Amino acid sequence: MRRPFGQSLRLGIAADGLALLRVRGWPRAGVEVLAQPAVEAGAPDALAAGLRALLAEIDPRGWPVGVVLADELVRLWQVPPPQGATRLGDLQAAAALRHQHLFGAPPVEWRISADWDAARPFLAAAAPEALLALLESLAREHRFHLVEVAPQFVAAMNAWRRQRRPGAWFGLVHGGVLSIAAYEGSVLAAVRTAVIPQGADRDWLEAHVAREALRVGVGRPERIQLCGAAPGGWASSAGRLKFACTLLEDDSADWSPHVRLARTGVGS
């Protein structure tokens, strides 16, 4: 597939499906869905077979490819830096120990990346080593440029970073799950994830945010800013005094969940 100037590919990977998009930049920005094959979730080597078949069909040779991993495939956690930490190795060791404490095992089969910070708690993410190695192997085999691999929540946070208002929390709704970044002032205090009950309304959101603030040990936010497929009824309305809610994206587009995954952060 020949690559026009200013275009790239965006690949979304979830346990039950894939989506490949062509992203157009200047002069006419937009997204085109090239393919969205289903994958048998949990079947051995299903993702590998699906990726190989997709890339063989599309022929991405020479294209820059960004990858977004569904959050169910990765692990996210907050790491308090050890006192007196001065080296990257100190922070990496702290992230590995925190991973073992939270998930019950050392991250032997996971590759950790983070916003390393020796002065304040930082967000760490771990992706399966086997999946990352597969993507790197496919990039060599099909001769495309693997420019980025990011968890969906991290991609969303980065895309909307400049729009986050002072005192606001940030959230992503995807696949019936709400992931929230709770802040204390300008400092990220925790990342919390919860399944959204069927028919959850604004009252549920307010109760959920209040509970999470207590669990994290921070004050309730003045505002929560949500991206993804958030229900329209969660937006602020007259008379709401507990906190405001801003929906950052228009949910009217008829995107499938896998296409939504792949386009996270595009054109935000």
C-alpha atoms as a PDB file:
ATOM      1  CA  MET A   1       0.000   0.000   0.000  1.00  0.00           C
ATOM      2  CA  ARG A   2       1.570   3.267  -1.113  1.00  0.00           C
ATOM      3  CA  ARG A   3       1.875   5.924   1.558  1.00  0.00           C
ATOM      4  CA  PRO A   4       0.803   9.475   0.653  1.00  0.00           C
ATOM      5  CA  PHE A   5       2.649  12.319   2.314  1.00  0.00           C
ATOM      6  CA  GLY A   6       1.507  13.163   5.843  1.00  0.00           C
ATOM      7  CA  GLN A   7      -0.382   9.917   6.492  1.00  0.00           C
ATOM      8  CA  SER A   8       0.170   7.183   9.057  1.00  0.00           C
ATOM      9  CA  LEU A   9      -1.460   4.011  10.342  1.00  0.00           C
ATOM     10  CA  ARG A  10      -3.034   3.478  13.740  1.00  0.00           C
ATOM     11  CA  LEU A  11      -3.534  -0.047  15.068  1.00  0.00           C
ATOM     12  CA  GLY A  12      -5.834  -0.843  17.982  1.00  0.00           C
ATOM     13  CA  ILE A  13      -5.332  -4.174  19.731  1.00  0.00           C
ATOM     14  CA  ALA A  14      -7.895  -5.672  22.116  1.00  0.00           C
ATOM     15  CA  ALA A  15      -8.303  -9.206  23.407  1.00  0.00           C
ATOM     16  CA  ASP A  16     -11.300  -9.787  21.118  1.00  0.00           C
ATOM     17  CA  GLY A  17     -10.458  -7.770  18.031  1.00  0.00           C
ATOM     18  CA  LEU A  18      -8.269  -5.414  16.040  1.00  0.00           C
ATOM     19  CA  ALA A  19      -8.778  -2.179  14.131  1.00  0.00           C
ATOM     20  CA  LEU A  20      -6.466  -0.566  11.609  1.00  0.00           C
ATOM     21  CA  LEU A  21      -6.956   3.071  10.631  1.00  0.00           C
ATOM     22  CA  ARG A  22      -5.350   5.361   8.097  1.00  0.00           C
ATOM     23  CA  VAL A  23      -4.810   8.778   9.671  1.00  0.00           C
ATOM     24  CA  ARG A  24      -4.620  11.788   7.370  1.00  0.00           C
ATOM     25  CA  GLY A  25      -2.960  14.976   8.533  1.00  0.00           C
ATOM     26  CA  TRP A  26      -2.496  18.248   6.685  1.00  0.00           C
ATOM     27  CA  PRO A  27      -4.194  19.556   4.584  1.00  0.00           C
ATOM     28  CA  ARG A  28      -7.362  17.465   5.210  1.00  0.00           C
ATOM     29  CA  ALA A  29      -7.259  15.735   8.571  1.00  0.00           C
ATOM     30  CA  GLY A  30      -9.367  12.618   9.011  1.00  0.00           C
ATOM     31  CA  VAL A  31      -9.500   8.919   9.776  1.00  0.00           C
ATOM     32  CA  GLU A  32     -10.332   6.036   7.434  1.00  0.00           C
ATOM     33  CA  VAL A  33     -11.130   2.558   8.763  1.00  0.00           C
ATOM     34  CA  LEU A  34      -9.144   0.001   6.752  1.00  0.00           C
ATOM     35  CA  ALA A  35     -10.042  -3.178   8.660  1.00  0.00           C
ATOM     36  CA  GLN A  36     -11.496  -4.347  11.966  1.00  0.00           C
ATOM     37  CA  PRO A  37     -11.239  -8.150  12.190  1.00  0.00           C
ATOM     38  CA  ALA A  38     -12.548 -10.013  15.223  1.00  0.00           C
ATOM     39  CA  VAL A  39     -10.268 -12.208  17.343  1.00  0.00           C
ATOM     40  CA  GLU A  40     -11.248 -15.182  19.479  1.00  0.00           C
ATOM     41  CA  ALA A  41     -10.541 -13.822  22.960  1.00  0.00           C
ATOM     42  CA  GLY A  42      -8.435 -16.149  25.076  1.00  0.00           C
ATOM     43  CA  ALA A  43      -7.607 -18.591  22.292  1.00  0.00           C
ATOM     44  CA  PRO A  44      -3.884 -19.507  22.141  1.00  0.00           C
ATOM     45  CA  ASP A  45      -1.984 -17.385  19.605  1.00  0.00           C
ATOM     46  CA  ALA A  46      -5.240 -15.788  18.399  1.00  0.00           C
ATOM     47  CA  LEU A  47      -3.846 -12.240  18.544  1.00  0.00           C
ATOM     48  CA  ALA A  48      -0.659 -13.274  16.759  1.00  0.00           C
ATOM     49  CA  ALA A  49      -2.587 -15.009  13.975  1.00  0.00           C
ATOM     50  CA  GLY A  50      -4.976 -12.057  13.647  1.00  0.00           C
ATOM     51  CA  LEU A  51      -2.158  -9.532  13.436  1.00  0.00           C
ATOM     52  CA  ARG A  52      -0.250 -11.565  10.865  1.00  0.00           C
ATOM     53  CA  ALA A  53      -3.323 -11.960   8.669  1.00  0.00           C
ATOM     54  CA  LEU A  54      -4.200  -8.270   8.924  1.00  0.00           C
ATOM     55  CA  LEU A  55      -0.732  -7.014   8.068  1.00  0.00           C
ATOM     56  CA  ALA A  56      -0.363  -9.477   5.199  1.00  0.00           C
ATOM     57  CA  GLU A  57      -3.593  -8.107   3.699  1.00  0.00           C
ATOM     58  CA  ILE A  58      -2.823  -4.401   4.172  1.00  0.00           C
ATOM     59  CA  ASP A  59       0.924  -4.387   3.344  1.00  0.00           C
ATOM     60  CA  PRO A  60       2.133  -1.542   5.622  1.00  0.00           C
ATOM     61  CA  ARG A  61       5.688  -1.448   4.225  1.00  0.00           C
ATOM     62  CA  GLY A  62       7.272   1.959   4.797  1.00  0.00           C
ATOM     63  CA  TRP A  63       4.376   3.313   6.884  1.00  0.00           C
ATOM     64  CA  PRO A  64       4.728   4.750  10.392  1.00  0.00           C
ATOM     65  CA  VAL A  65       2.456   2.705  12.670  1.00  0.00           C
ATOM     66  CA  GLY A  66       1.238   3.720  16.121  1.00  0.00           C
ATOM     67  CA  VAL A  67      -0.299   1.037  18.340  1.00  0.00           C
ATOM     68  CA  VAL A  68      -2.914   1.489  21.071  1.00  0.00           C
ATOM     69  CA  LEU A  69      -3.353  -1.421  23.488  1.00  0.00           C
ATOM     70  CA  ALA A  70      -6.693  -1.964  25.209  1.00  0.00           C
ATOM     71  CA  ASP A  71      -6.352  -1.473  28.935  1.00  0.00           C
ATOM     72  CA  GLU A  72      -7.372  -5.076  29.667  1.00  0.00           C
ATOM     73  CA  LEU A  73      -4.097  -6.151  28.037  1.00  0.00           C
ATOM     74  CA  VAL A  74      -1.888  -3.934  30.206  1.00  0.00           C
ATOM     75  CA  ARG A  75      -1.327  -3.026  33.836  1.00  0.00           C
ATOM     76  CA  LEU A  76      -1.275   0.534  35.205  1.00  0.00           C
ATOM     77  CA  TRP A  77      -0.222   1.564  38.683  1.00  0.00           C
ATOM     78  CA  GLN A  78       1.123   4.482  40.688  1.00  0.00           C
ATOM     79  CA  VAL A  79       4.662   4.301  42.091  1.00  0.00           C
ATOM     80  CA  PRO A  80       5.931   6.384  45.026  1.00  0.00           C
ATOM     81  CA  PRO A  81       9.658   7.008  44.425  1.00  0.00           C
ATOM     82  CA  PRO A  82      11.982   5.680  47.146  1.00  0.00           C
ATOM     83  CA  GLN A  83      13.396   8.285  49.477  1.00  0.00           C
ATOM     84  CA  GLY A  84      16.719   9.573  48.251  1.00  0.00           C
ATOM     85  CA  ALA A  85      16.382   8.029  44.792  1.00  0.00           C
ATOM     86  CA  THR A  86      18.884   9.544  42.381  1.00  0.00           C
ATOM     87  CA  ARG A  87      19.258   6.947  39.616  1.00  0.00           C
ATOM     88  CA  LEU A  88      16.889   5.531  37.019  1.00  0.00           C
ATOM     89  CA  GLY A  89      17.692   2.078  38.371  1.00  0.00           C
ATOM     90  CA  ASP A  90      16.257   3.081  41.762  1.00  0.00           C
ATOM     91  CA  LEU A  91      12.970   4.089  40.149  1.00  0.00           C
ATOM     92  CA  GLN A  92      12.823   0.949  38.007  1.00  0.00           C
ATOM     93  CA  ALA A  93      13.365  -1.215  41.081  1.00  0.00           C
ATOM     94  CA  ALA A  94      10.609   0.668  42.945  1.00  0.00           C
ATOM     95  CA  ALA A  95       8.213   0.128  40.028  1.00  0.00           C
ATOM     96  CA  ALA A  96       9.003  -3.602  39.944  1.00  0.00           C
ATOM     97  CA  LEU A  97       8.498  -3.961  43.700  1.00  0.00           C
ATOM     98  CA  ARG A  98       5.199  -2.091  43.548  1.00  0.00           C
ATOM     99  CA  HIS A  99       4.102  -4.326  40.679  1.00  0.00           C
ATOM    100  CA  GLN A 100       4.884  -7.421  42.729  1.00  0.00           C
ATOM    101  CA  HIS A 101       2.945  -6.028  45.697  1.00  0.00           C
ATOM    102  CA  LEU A 102      -0.140  -5.170  43.611  1.00  0.00           C
ATOM    103  CA  PHE A 103      -0.230  -8.116  41.205  1.00  0.00           C
ATOM    104  CA  GLY A 104       1.313 -10.880  43.286  1.00  0.00           C
ATOM    105  CA  ALA A 105       4.349 -11.642  41.125  1.00  0.00           C
ATOM    106  CA  PRO A 106       7.477  -9.930  39.788  1.00  0.00           C
ATOM    107  CA  PRO A 107       7.089  -8.491  36.270  1.00  0.00           C
ATOM    108  CA  VAL A 108       9.142 -11.226  34.601  1.00  0.00           C
ATOM    109  CA  GLU A 109       6.890 -11.480  31.532  1.00  0.00           C
ATOM    110  CA  TRP A 110       6.041  -7.763  31.397  1.00  0.00           C
ATOM    111  CA  ARG A 111       7.881  -4.741  30.018  1.00  0.00           C
ATOM    112  CA  ILE A 112       7.555  -1.661  32.208  1.00  0.00           C
ATOM    113  CA  SER A 113       7.555   1.951  31.030  1.00  0.00           C
ATOM    114  CA  ALA A 114       6.824   5.030  33.117  1.00  0.00           C
ATOM    115  CA  ASP A 115       6.999   8.788  33.531  1.00  0.00           C
ATOM    116  CA  TRP A 116      10.023   8.293  35.768  1.00  0.00           C
ATOM    117  CA  ASP A 117      10.192  10.945  38.497  1.00  0.00           C
ATOM    118  CA  ALA A 118      12.398  10.924  41.586  1.00  0.00           C
ATOM    119  CA  ALA A 119      10.505  13.789  43.256  1.00  0.00           C
ATOM    120  CA  ARG A 120       6.856  12.697  43.146  1.00  0.00           C
ATOM    121  CA  PRO A 121       4.699   9.583  42.538  1.00  0.00           C
ATOM    122  CA  PHE A 122       4.594   8.570  38.879  1.00  0.00           C
ATOM    123  CA  LEU A 123       2.408   6.422  36.637  1.00  0.00           C
ATOM    124  CA  ALA A 124       3.860   3.116  35.436  1.00  0.00           C
ATOM    125  CA  ALA A 125       2.515   0.794  32.753  1.00  0.00           C
ATOM    126  CA  ALA A 126       3.411  -2.789  31.918  1.00  0.00           C
ATOM    127  CA  ALA A 127       2.630  -4.552  28.641  1.00  0.00           C
ATOM    128  CA  PRO A 128       3.142  -8.263  27.952  1.00  0.00           C
ATOM    129  CA  GLU A 129       6.709  -8.870  26.765  1.00  0.00           C
ATOM    130  CA  ALA A 130       5.496 -11.494  24.284  1.00  0.00           C
ATOM    131  CA  LEU A 131       3.077  -9.053  22.610  1.00  0.00           C
ATOM    132  CA  LEU A 132       5.685  -6.287  22.343  1.00  0.00           C
ATOM    133  CA  ALA A 133       8.241  -8.736  20.943  1.00  0.00           C
ATOM    134  CA  LEU A 134       5.647  -9.884  18.384  1.00  0.00           C
ATOM    135  CA  LEU A 135       4.978  -6.304  17.268  1.00  0.00           C
ATOM    136  CA  GLU A 136       8.711  -5.625  16.920  1.00  0.00           C
ATOM    137  CA  SER A 137       9.132  -8.836  14.902  1.00  0.00           C
ATOM    138  CA  LEU A 138       6.210  -7.941  12.632  1.00  0.00           C
ATOM    139  CA  ALA A 139       7.672  -4.463  12.082  1.00  0.00           C
ATOM    140  CA  ARG A 140      10.899  -6.025  10.844  1.00  0.00           C
ATOM    141  CA  GLU A 141       9.091  -8.648   8.770  1.00  0.00           C
ATOM    142  CA  HIS A 142       6.708  -6.200   7.082  1.00  0.00           C
ATOM    143  CA  ARG A 143       9.185  -3.297   7.071  1.00  0.00           C
ATOM    144  CA  PHE A 144       6.997  -0.711   8.766  1.00  0.00           C
ATOM    145  CA  HIS A 145       8.094   1.821  11.379  1.00  0.00           C
ATOM    146  CA  LEU A 146       6.730   1.036  14.846  1.00  0.00           C
ATOM    147  CA  VAL A 147       6.664   4.581  16.209  1.00  0.00           C
ATOM    148  CA  GLU A 148       4.667   4.110  19.418  1.00  0.00           C
ATOM    149  CA  VAL A 149       2.973   1.474  21.583  1.00  0.00           C
ATOM    150  CA  ALA A 150       0.737   2.953  24.286  1.00  0.00           C
ATOM    151  CA  PRO A 151      -2.014   1.770  26.623  1.00  0.00           C
ATOM    152  CA  GLN A 152      -5.333   3.352  25.709  1.00  0.00           C
ATOM    153  CA  PHE A 153      -5.658   5.280  28.971  1.00  0.00           C
ATOM    154  CA  VAL A 154      -2.135   6.702  28.649  1.00  0.00           C
ATOM    155  CA  ALA A 155      -2.797   7.675  25.027  1.00  0.00           C
ATOM    156  CA  ALA A 156      -5.977   9.462  26.092  1.00  0.00           C
ATOM    157  CA  MET A 157      -4.279  11.265  28.985  1.00  0.00           C
ATOM    158  CA  ASN A 158      -1.484  12.481  26.719  1.00  0.00           C
ATOM    159  CA  ALA A 159      -3.906  13.616  24.018  1.00  0.00           C
ATOM    160  CA  TRP A 160      -6.036  15.683  26.395  1.00  0.00           C
ATOM    161  CA  ARG A 161      -3.267  16.879  28.712  1.00  0.00           C
ATOM    162  CA  ARG A 162      -3.463  20.512  27.589  1.00  0.00           C
ATOM    163  CA  GLN A 163      -7.242  20.603  27.992  1.00  0.00           C
ATOM    164  CA  ARG A 164      -7.222  19.410  31.611  1.00  0.00           C
ATOM    165  CA  ARG A 165      -8.494  22.214  33.790  1.00  0.00           C
ATOM    166  CA  PRO A 166      -7.080  23.060  37.246  1.00  0.00           C
ATOM    167  CA  GLY A 167      -8.768  21.001  39.953  1.00  0.00           C
ATOM    168  CA  ALA A 168     -10.200  18.504  37.448  1.00  0.00           C
ATOM    169  CA  TRP A 169      -9.955  14.744  37.326  1.00  0.00           C
ATOM    170  CA  PHE A 170      -9.642  12.955  33.983  1.00  0.00           C
ATOM    171  CA  GLY A 171     -11.546   9.853  32.860  1.00  0.00           C
ATOM    172  CA  LEU A 172     -11.934   7.451  29.946  1.00  0.00           C
ATOM    173  CA  VAL A 173     -15.035   5.405  29.191  1.00  0.00           C
ATOM    174  CA  HIS A 174     -14.465   2.374  26.976  1.00  0.00           C
ATOM    175  CA  GLY A 175     -16.023  -1.069  26.772  1.00  0.00           C
ATOM    176  CA  GLY A 176     -18.298  -0.506  29.745  1.00  0.00           C
ATOM    177  CA  VAL A 177     -15.387   0.490  31.993  1.00  0.00           C
ATOM    178  CA  LEU A 178     -14.600   3.866  33.558  1.00  0.00           C
ATOM    179  CA  SER A 179     -10.935   4.607  34.227  1.00  0.00           C
ATOM    180  CA  ILE A 180     -10.204   7.719  36.284  1.00  0.00           C
ATOM    181  CA  ALA A 181      -7.018   9.665  36.957  1.00  0.00           C
ATOM    182  CA  ALA A 182      -7.470  11.261  40.370  1.00  0.00           C
ATOM    183  CA  TYR A 183      -5.410  14.378  41.007  1.00  0.00           C
ATOM    184  CA  GLU A 184      -4.417  16.208  44.141  1.00  0.00           C
ATOM    185  CA  GLY A 185      -3.793  19.693  42.810  1.00  0.00           C
ATOM    186  CA  SER A 186      -1.549  19.188  39.801  1.00  0.00           C
ATOM    187  CA  VAL A 187      -0.153  15.850  41.053  1.00  0.00           C
ATOM    188  CA  LEU A 188      -1.542  12.533  39.822  1.00  0.00           C
ATOM    189  CA  ALA A 189      -2.633  10.685  42.966  1.00  0.00           C
ATOM    190  CA  ALA A 190      -3.998   7.413  41.543  1.00  0.00           C
ATOM    191  CA  VAL A 191      -5.532   5.667  38.553  1.00  0.00           C
ATOM    192  CA  ARG A 192      -8.754   3.798  39.384  1.00  0.00           C
ATOM    193  CA  THR A 193     -10.861   1.536  37.166  1.00  0.00           C
ATOM    194  CA  ALA A 194     -14.428   0.303  37.643  1.00  0.00           C
ATOM    195  CA  VAL A 195     -17.062  -1.511  35.608  1.00  0.00           C
ATOM    196  CA  ILE A 196     -20.011   0.772  34.816  1.00  0.00           C
ATOM    197  CA  PRO A 197     -23.334  -0.774  35.913  1.00  0.00           C
ATOM    198  CA  GLN A 198     -26.092  -1.096  33.345  1.00  0.00           C
ATOM    199  CA  GLY A 199     -28.067   2.161  33.179  1.00  0.00           C
ATOM    200  CA  ALA A 200     -25.612   4.104  35.367  1.00  0.00           C
ATOM    201  CA  ASP A 201     -26.800   7.713  35.588  1.00  0.00           C
ATOM    202  CA  ARG A 202     -25.326  10.967  36.868  1.00  0.00           C
ATOM    203  CA  ASP A 203     -26.158  10.028  40.461  1.00  0.00           C
ATOM    204  CA  TRP A 204     -24.083   6.863  40.091  1.00  0.00           C
ATOM    205  CA  LEU A 205     -21.166   8.904  38.722  1.00  0.00           C
ATOM    206  CA  GLU A 206     -21.319  11.332  41.646  1.00  0.00           C
ATOM    207  CA  ALA A 207     -21.422   8.509  44.204  1.00  0.00           C
ATOM    208  CA  HIS A 208     -18.580   6.680  42.447  1.00  0.00           C
ATOM    209  CA  VAL A 209     -16.338   9.751  42.338  1.00  0.00           C
ATOM    210  CA  ALA A 210     -17.025  10.452  46.019  1.00  0.00           C
ATOM    211  CA  ARG A 211     -16.067   6.865  46.956  1.00  0.00           C
ATOM    212  CA  GLU A 212     -12.883   6.986  44.899  1.00  0.00           C
ATOM    213  CA  ALA A 213     -11.856  10.280  46.509  1.00  0.00           C
ATOM    214  CA  LEU A 214     -12.206   8.655  49.950  1.00  0.00           C
ATOM    215  CA  ARG A 215     -10.264   5.560  48.891  1.00  0.00           C
ATOM    216  CA  VAL A 216      -7.431   7.568  47.382  1.00  0.00           C
ATOM    217  CA  GLY A 217      -7.408  10.032  50.290  1.00  0.00           C
ATOM    218  CA  VAL A 218      -7.893  13.232  48.289  1.00  0.00           C
ATOM    219  CA  GLY A 219     -10.650  15.814  48.083  1.00  0.00           C
ATOM    220  CA  ARG A 220     -13.555  15.452  45.668  1.00  0.00           C
ATOM    221  CA  PRO A 221     -12.749  17.213  42.372  1.00  0.00           C
ATOM    222  CA  GLU A 222     -14.345  20.430  41.220  1.00  0.00           C
ATOM    223  CA  ARG A 223     -14.770  18.886  37.765  1.00  0.00           C
ATOM    224  CA  ILE A 224     -14.272  15.606  35.953  1.00  0.00           C
ATOM    225  CA  GLN A 225     -13.407  15.649  32.255  1.00  0.00           C
ATOM    226  CA  LEU A 226     -14.350  12.474  30.376  1.00  0.00           C
ATOM    227  CA  CYS A 227     -13.396  11.180  26.943  1.00  0.00           C
ATOM    228  CA  GLY A 228     -14.575   8.085  25.089  1.00  0.00           C
ATOM    229  CA  ALA A 229     -18.109   6.724  25.007  1.00  0.00           C
ATOM    230  CA  ALA A 230     -19.380   8.493  28.130  1.00  0.00           C
ATOM    231  CA  PRO A 231     -23.185   8.673  28.536  1.00  0.00           C
ATOM    232  CA  GLY A 232     -24.570  12.064  27.555  1.00  0.00           C
ATOM    233  CA  GLY A 233     -26.560  12.204  30.795  1.00  0.00           C
ATOM    234  CA  TRP A 234     -23.368  12.452  32.816  1.00  0.00           C
ATOM    235  CA  ALA A 235     -22.650  15.968  31.546  1.00  0.00           C
ATOM    236  CA  SER A 236     -23.225  18.913  33.865  1.00  0.00           C
ATOM    237  CA  SER A 237     -26.745  20.285  34.102  1.00  0.00           C
ATOM    238  CA  ALA A 238     -28.402  23.154  35.939  1.00  0.00           C
ATOM    239  CA  GLY A 239     -28.497  22.647  39.688  1.00  0.00           C
ATOM    240  CA  ARG A 240     -25.591  20.212  39.896  1.00  0.00           C
ATOM    241  CA  LEU A 241     -23.514  21.411  42.842  1.00  0.00           C
ATOM    242  CA  LYS A 242     -21.277  18.441  43.744  1.00  0.00           C
ATOM    243  CA  PHE A 243     -18.940  18.727  40.756  1.00  0.00           C
ATOM    244  CA  ALA A 244     -19.105  19.611  37.081  1.00  0.00           C
ATOM    245  CA  CYS A 245     -18.703  17.021  34.338  1.00  0.00           C
ATOM    246  CA  THR A 246     -17.376  17.839  30.883  1.00  0.00           C
ATOM    247  CA  LEU A 247     -17.579  15.382  27.987  1.00  0.00           C
ATOM    248  CA  LEU A 248     -14.530  15.976  25.819  1.00  0.00           C
ATOM    249  CA  GLU A 249     -15.740  13.971  22.821  1.00  0.00           C
ATOM    250  CA  ASP A 250     -18.916  13.821  20.785  1.00  0.00           C
ATOM    251  CA  ASP A 251     -20.402  10.324  21.196  1.00  0.00           C
ATOM    252  CA  SER A 252     -22.682  10.647  18.174  1.00  0.00           C
ATOM    253  CA  ALA A 253     -20.228   9.011  15.732  1.00  0.00           C
ATOM    254  CA  ASP A 254     -21.086   5.395  14.992  1.00  0.00           C
ATOM    255  CA  TRP A 255     -17.650   3.949  15.777  1.00  0.00           C
ATOM    256  CA  SER A 256     -17.208   0.342  16.863  1.00  0.00           C
ATOM    257  CA  PRO A 257     -15.371  -0.202  20.187  1.00  0.00           C
ATOM    258  CA  HIS A 258     -12.254  -1.376  18.356  1.00  0.00           C
ATOM    259  CA  VAL A 259     -12.197   1.660  16.076  1.00  0.00           C
ATOM    260  CA  ARG A 260     -12.665   3.891  19.137  1.00  0.00           C
ATOM    261  CA  LEU A 261      -9.677   2.137  20.673  1.00  0.00           C
ATOM    262  CA  ALA A 262      -7.457   2.670  17.646  1.00  0.00           C
ATOM    263  CA  ARG A 263      -8.395   6.332  17.238  1.00  0.00           C
ATOM    264  CA  THR A 264      -7.758   7.233  20.896  1.00  0.00           C
ATOM    265  CA  GLY A 265      -5.782  10.446  20.894  1.00  0.00           C
ATOM    266  CA  VAL A 266      -6.196  11.109  17.163  1.00  0.00           C
ATOM    267  CA  GLY A 267      -7.474  14.558  16.368  1.00  0.00           C
ATOM    268  CA  SER A 268      -8.133  15.464  20.023  1.00  0.00           C
END
